[in-house]
Amino acid sequence: MKSGPSAAGPSAAGRSTGPLDDEAVAMGGRIRGLRRERGLTLVQLAGLVEMSQPFLSLVERGHARLSLASMAKLSTALGVPSGSLLATPPTARLTGKGVDVVHAQERLATGHRAVWQLAQLPRGLFGIEMVGVEREFTEFAMHEEDEFLYLLSGTLEVGLVDGTVHPLRPGDSLAVAAGVAHGWRAVGPHGFRVVIVTSGAPSH
């Protein structure tokens, strides 16, 4: 899961001249919307996550990309699962008392990663579907939710900071406890498609 060259932090402010890509713009919009829902200014949120206000402003406009560690800090400060910052919200959803139904939509993968929201529950059950093609462990990240992963297609390796690597093939699954740092990489040029369910943080 790559954070991109612009995830370095405040120094990126002088290098960015425009939106990076559709993924960065969409994530920035979700962060801005959540921040405003919670009545926070850019300065206040930047202080909560120990990030510079100019860099956070670039992120909200899609001109810079967050590292996975920064994404985890932001999701905690905003009270949502980290996957909700990445994932495109569904266009066909029916939510009732104790039930959330998400109907399939056209899912076009562009760039090195694409993520879509699946069903969720307000007390912390949150699902996403992701496709990715990155073939290097670019960053090991941890978050405050337990995570369950089920590989739909392709070949994926999940690595831990102690050097352990778990290869997964379609139909394989893996669970990672909250607080355990891990990273992913595709094996082969065709990438992977995976369903991830996290539990332990409020859904949004």
Protein backbone atom coordinates (compact mmCIF):
# COMPACT_ATOMS: atom_id res chain seq x y z
CA MET A 1 0.00 0.00 0.00
CA LYS A 2 1.94 2.94 -1.27
CA SER A 3 1.78 6.36 0.22
CA GLY A 4 3.40 8.12 -2.71
CA PRO A 5 6.35 10.49 -2.97
CA SER A 6 4.33 13.49 -1.78
CA ALA A 7 3.61 11.91 1.60
CA ALA A 8 6.81 13.25 3.07
CA GLY A 9 5.07 15.94 5.06
CA PRO A 10 5.16 19.73 5.17
CA SER A 11 8.13 20.00 2.80
CA ALA A 12 5.81 18.76 0.05
CA ALA A 13 4.02 22.12 0.18
CA GLY A 14 6.60 23.78 -2.00
CA ARG A 15 6.57 21.04 -4.62
CA SER A 16 2.88 20.56 -5.33
CA THR A 17 1.47 22.42 -8.34
CA GLY A 18 -1.84 20.62 -8.86
CA PRO A 19 -3.98 17.63 -7.87
CA LEU A 20 -2.06 14.37 -7.93
CA ASP A 21 -4.87 12.16 -9.25
CA ASP A 22 -8.57 11.34 -8.77
CA GLU A 23 -7.81 9.16 -5.76
CA ALA A 24 -6.02 11.99 -3.94
CA VAL A 25 -8.79 14.47 -4.74
CA ALA A 26 -11.50 12.08 -3.50
CA MET A 27 -9.65 11.34 -0.27
CA GLY A 28 -9.03 15.03 0.35
CA GLY A 29 -12.72 15.74 -0.11
CA ARG A 30 -13.67 13.05 2.39
CA ILE A 31 -11.22 14.42 4.97
CA ARG A 32 -12.53 17.97 4.48
CA GLY A 33 -16.14 16.81 4.82
CA LEU A 34 -15.44 14.86 8.02
CA ARG A 35 -13.47 17.75 9.48
CA ARG A 36 -16.32 20.17 8.85
CA GLU A 37 -18.90 17.72 10.25
CA ARG A 38 -16.92 17.70 13.48
CA GLY A 39 -16.65 21.49 13.60
CA LEU A 40 -12.85 21.51 13.31
CA THR A 41 -10.71 24.07 11.52
CA LEU A 42 -7.68 23.05 9.49
CA VAL A 43 -5.43 24.43 12.23
CA GLN A 44 -7.25 22.46 14.93
CA LEU A 45 -7.13 19.16 13.04
CA ALA A 46 -3.49 19.68 12.07
CA GLY A 47 -2.66 20.19 15.74
CA LEU A 48 -4.48 17.03 16.77
CA VAL A 49 -2.47 14.89 14.34
CA GLU A 50 0.85 16.78 14.65
CA MET A 51 0.81 17.79 10.99
CA SER A 52 1.46 21.21 9.48
CA GLN A 53 -1.63 23.18 8.44
CA PRO A 54 -0.23 23.99 4.94
CA PHE A 55 0.42 20.29 4.26
CA LEU A 56 -3.03 19.25 5.51
CA SER A 57 -4.52 21.91 3.24
CA LEU A 58 -2.67 20.36 0.29
CA VAL A 59 -4.03 16.93 1.26
CA GLU A 60 -7.62 18.23 1.39
CA ARG A 61 -7.23 19.68 -2.12
CA GLY A 62 -5.70 16.49 -3.50
CA HIS A 63 -2.29 18.08 -4.05
CA ALA A 64 -0.48 15.79 -1.58
CA ARG A 65 -0.91 12.19 -0.44
CA LEU A 66 -0.88 10.96 3.14
CA SER A 67 1.44 8.27 4.40
CA LEU A 68 -0.32 5.30 5.94
CA ALA A 69 0.84 6.38 9.40
CA SER A 70 -0.62 9.87 8.90
CA MET A 71 -3.83 8.35 7.57
CA ALA A 72 -4.16 6.27 10.74
CA LYS A 73 -3.67 9.39 12.90
CA LEU A 74 -6.26 11.34 10.92
CA SER A 75 -8.84 8.56 11.05
CA THR A 76 -8.40 8.31 14.83
CA ALA A 77 -8.78 12.07 15.25
CA LEU A 78 -11.91 12.07 13.07
CA GLY A 79 -13.35 8.98 14.76
CA VAL A 80 -13.64 6.78 11.65
CA PRO A 81 -11.94 3.60 10.37
CA SER A 82 -8.83 4.35 8.31
CA GLY A 83 -10.40 2.57 5.34
CA SER A 84 -13.16 5.16 5.16
CA LEU A 85 -10.64 7.82 4.14
CA LEU A 86 -9.49 5.64 1.23
CA ALA A 87 -12.78 4.16 0.09
CA THR A 88 -15.25 5.53 -2.45
CA PRO A 89 -18.74 5.64 -0.84
CA PRO A 90 -21.39 3.44 -2.48
CA THR A 91 -23.98 4.91 -4.82
CA ALA A 92 -26.66 2.35 -3.92
CA ARG A 93 -27.07 1.88 -0.17
CA LEU A 94 -30.09 0.98 1.99
CA THR A 95 -29.61 1.54 5.70
CA GLY A 96 -32.18 0.62 8.33
CA LYS A 97 -32.29 -0.19 12.00
CA GLY A 98 -29.41 -2.60 12.52
CA VAL A 99 -28.98 -3.34 8.79
CA ASP A 100 -26.82 -1.85 6.04
CA VAL A 101 -27.12 -3.10 2.45
CA VAL A 102 -24.72 -1.98 -0.27
CA HIS A 103 -25.60 -2.99 -3.82
CA ALA A 104 -22.94 -3.64 -6.43
CA GLN A 105 -21.83 -0.73 -8.55
CA GLU A 106 -19.48 -0.30 -11.50
CA ARG A 107 -15.99 -0.44 -10.05
CA LEU A 108 -13.30 0.86 -12.33
CA ALA A 109 -9.77 0.62 -11.01
CA THR A 110 -7.47 3.46 -12.02
CA GLY A 111 -3.95 4.16 -10.87
CA HIS A 112 -2.02 2.00 -8.42
CA ARG A 113 -4.93 1.46 -6.02
CA ALA A 114 -8.74 1.68 -5.91
CA VAL A 115 -10.93 1.18 -2.84
CA TRP A 116 -14.73 0.93 -2.45
CA GLN A 117 -16.86 0.95 0.70
CA LEU A 118 -18.90 -2.15 1.46
CA ALA A 119 -21.50 -2.57 4.21
CA GLN A 120 -20.81 -1.21 7.69
CA LEU A 121 -22.33 -0.88 11.14
CA PRO A 122 -22.08 2.19 13.35
CA ARG A 123 -20.42 0.40 16.27
CA GLY A 124 -17.32 -0.41 14.30
CA LEU A 125 -17.80 -3.11 11.62
CA PHE A 126 -16.47 -1.70 8.35
CA GLY A 127 -15.85 -3.41 5.00
CA ILE A 128 -13.96 -2.37 1.87
CA GLU A 129 -12.98 -3.95 -1.43
CA MET A 130 -9.57 -3.00 -2.79
CA VAL A 131 -7.54 -3.63 -5.92
CA GLY A 132 -3.85 -2.85 -6.02
CA VAL A 133 -0.78 -3.43 -8.16
CA GLU A 134 2.10 -2.22 -5.97
CA ARG A 135 4.88 -4.78 -5.75
CA GLU A 136 6.98 -3.36 -2.89
CA PHE A 137 6.50 -3.00 0.85
CA THR A 138 6.61 0.80 0.87
CA GLU A 139 5.43 1.29 4.44
CA PHE A 140 4.40 -0.76 7.45
CA ALA A 141 1.37 0.73 9.16
CA MET A 142 -0.74 -0.10 12.18
CA HIS A 143 -4.19 1.05 13.24
CA GLU A 144 -6.59 0.78 16.13
CA GLU A 145 -8.94 -1.76 14.54
CA ASP A 146 -8.66 -5.53 14.20
CA GLU A 147 -8.48 -6.44 10.51
CA PHE A 148 -9.70 -9.46 8.53
CA LEU A 149 -8.53 -9.91 4.94
CA TYR A 150 -9.92 -12.29 2.28
CA LEU A 151 -8.16 -12.53 -1.07
CA LEU A 152 -10.53 -12.69 -4.05
CA SER A 153 -8.02 -12.81 -6.91
CA GLY A 154 -4.35 -12.37 -7.70
CA THR A 155 -1.48 -13.10 -5.34
CA LEU A 156 -0.72 -11.00 -2.28
CA GLU A 157 2.00 -11.00 0.35
CA VAL A 158 1.44 -9.55 3.82
CA GLY A 159 4.65 -8.64 5.61
CA LEU A 160 5.32 -7.91 9.29
CA VAL A 161 8.05 -5.68 10.72
CA ASP A 162 9.93 -8.71 12.08
CA GLY A 163 10.55 -9.85 8.50
CA THR A 164 7.83 -12.52 8.39
CA VAL A 165 6.00 -12.64 5.03
CA HIS A 166 2.68 -14.47 4.54
CA PRO A 167 1.87 -15.31 0.88
CA LEU A 168 -1.85 -15.47 0.09
CA ARG A 169 -3.67 -16.97 -2.88
CA PRO A 170 -7.36 -16.63 -3.85
CA GLY A 171 -9.54 -18.02 -1.07
CA ASP A 172 -6.89 -17.49 1.61
CA SER A 173 -7.62 -15.21 4.57
CA LEU A 174 -5.58 -13.49 7.26
CA ALA A 175 -6.42 -11.59 10.45
CA VAL A 176 -4.26 -8.90 12.03
CA ALA A 177 -4.84 -7.63 15.56
CA ALA A 178 -5.04 -3.92 16.31
CA GLY A 179 -1.60 -2.41 16.83
CA VAL A 180 0.30 -4.94 14.70
CA ALA A 181 2.25 -3.13 11.97
CA HIS A 182 1.96 -4.74 8.55
CA GLY A 183 2.34 -4.01 4.85
CA TRP A 184 1.09 -5.49 1.57
CA ARG A 185 2.51 -6.11 -1.87
CA ALA A 186 1.26 -7.74 -5.06
CA VAL A 187 3.11 -10.69 -6.53
CA GLY A 188 3.17 -10.51 -10.30
CA PRO A 189 2.06 -7.75 -12.70
CA HIS A 190 -1.69 -8.30 -12.44
CA GLY A 191 -2.12 -7.13 -8.85
CA PHE A 192 -4.74 -8.33 -6.39
CA ARG A 193 -8.36 -7.89 -5.37
CA VAL A 194 -9.18 -8.22 -1.70
CA VAL A 195 -12.02 -7.73 0.78
CA ILE A 196 -11.06 -6.24 4.15
CA VAL A 197 -13.25 -6.01 7.23
CA THR A 198 -12.15 -4.02 10.27
CA SER A 199 -13.74 -3.89 13.68
CA GLY A 200 -13.14 -1.71 16.69
CA ALA A 201 -13.59 1.89 15.52
CA PRO A 202 -16.83 3.78 14.83
CA SER A 203 -18.03 3.48 11.23
CA HIS A 204 -19.04 6.44 9.14
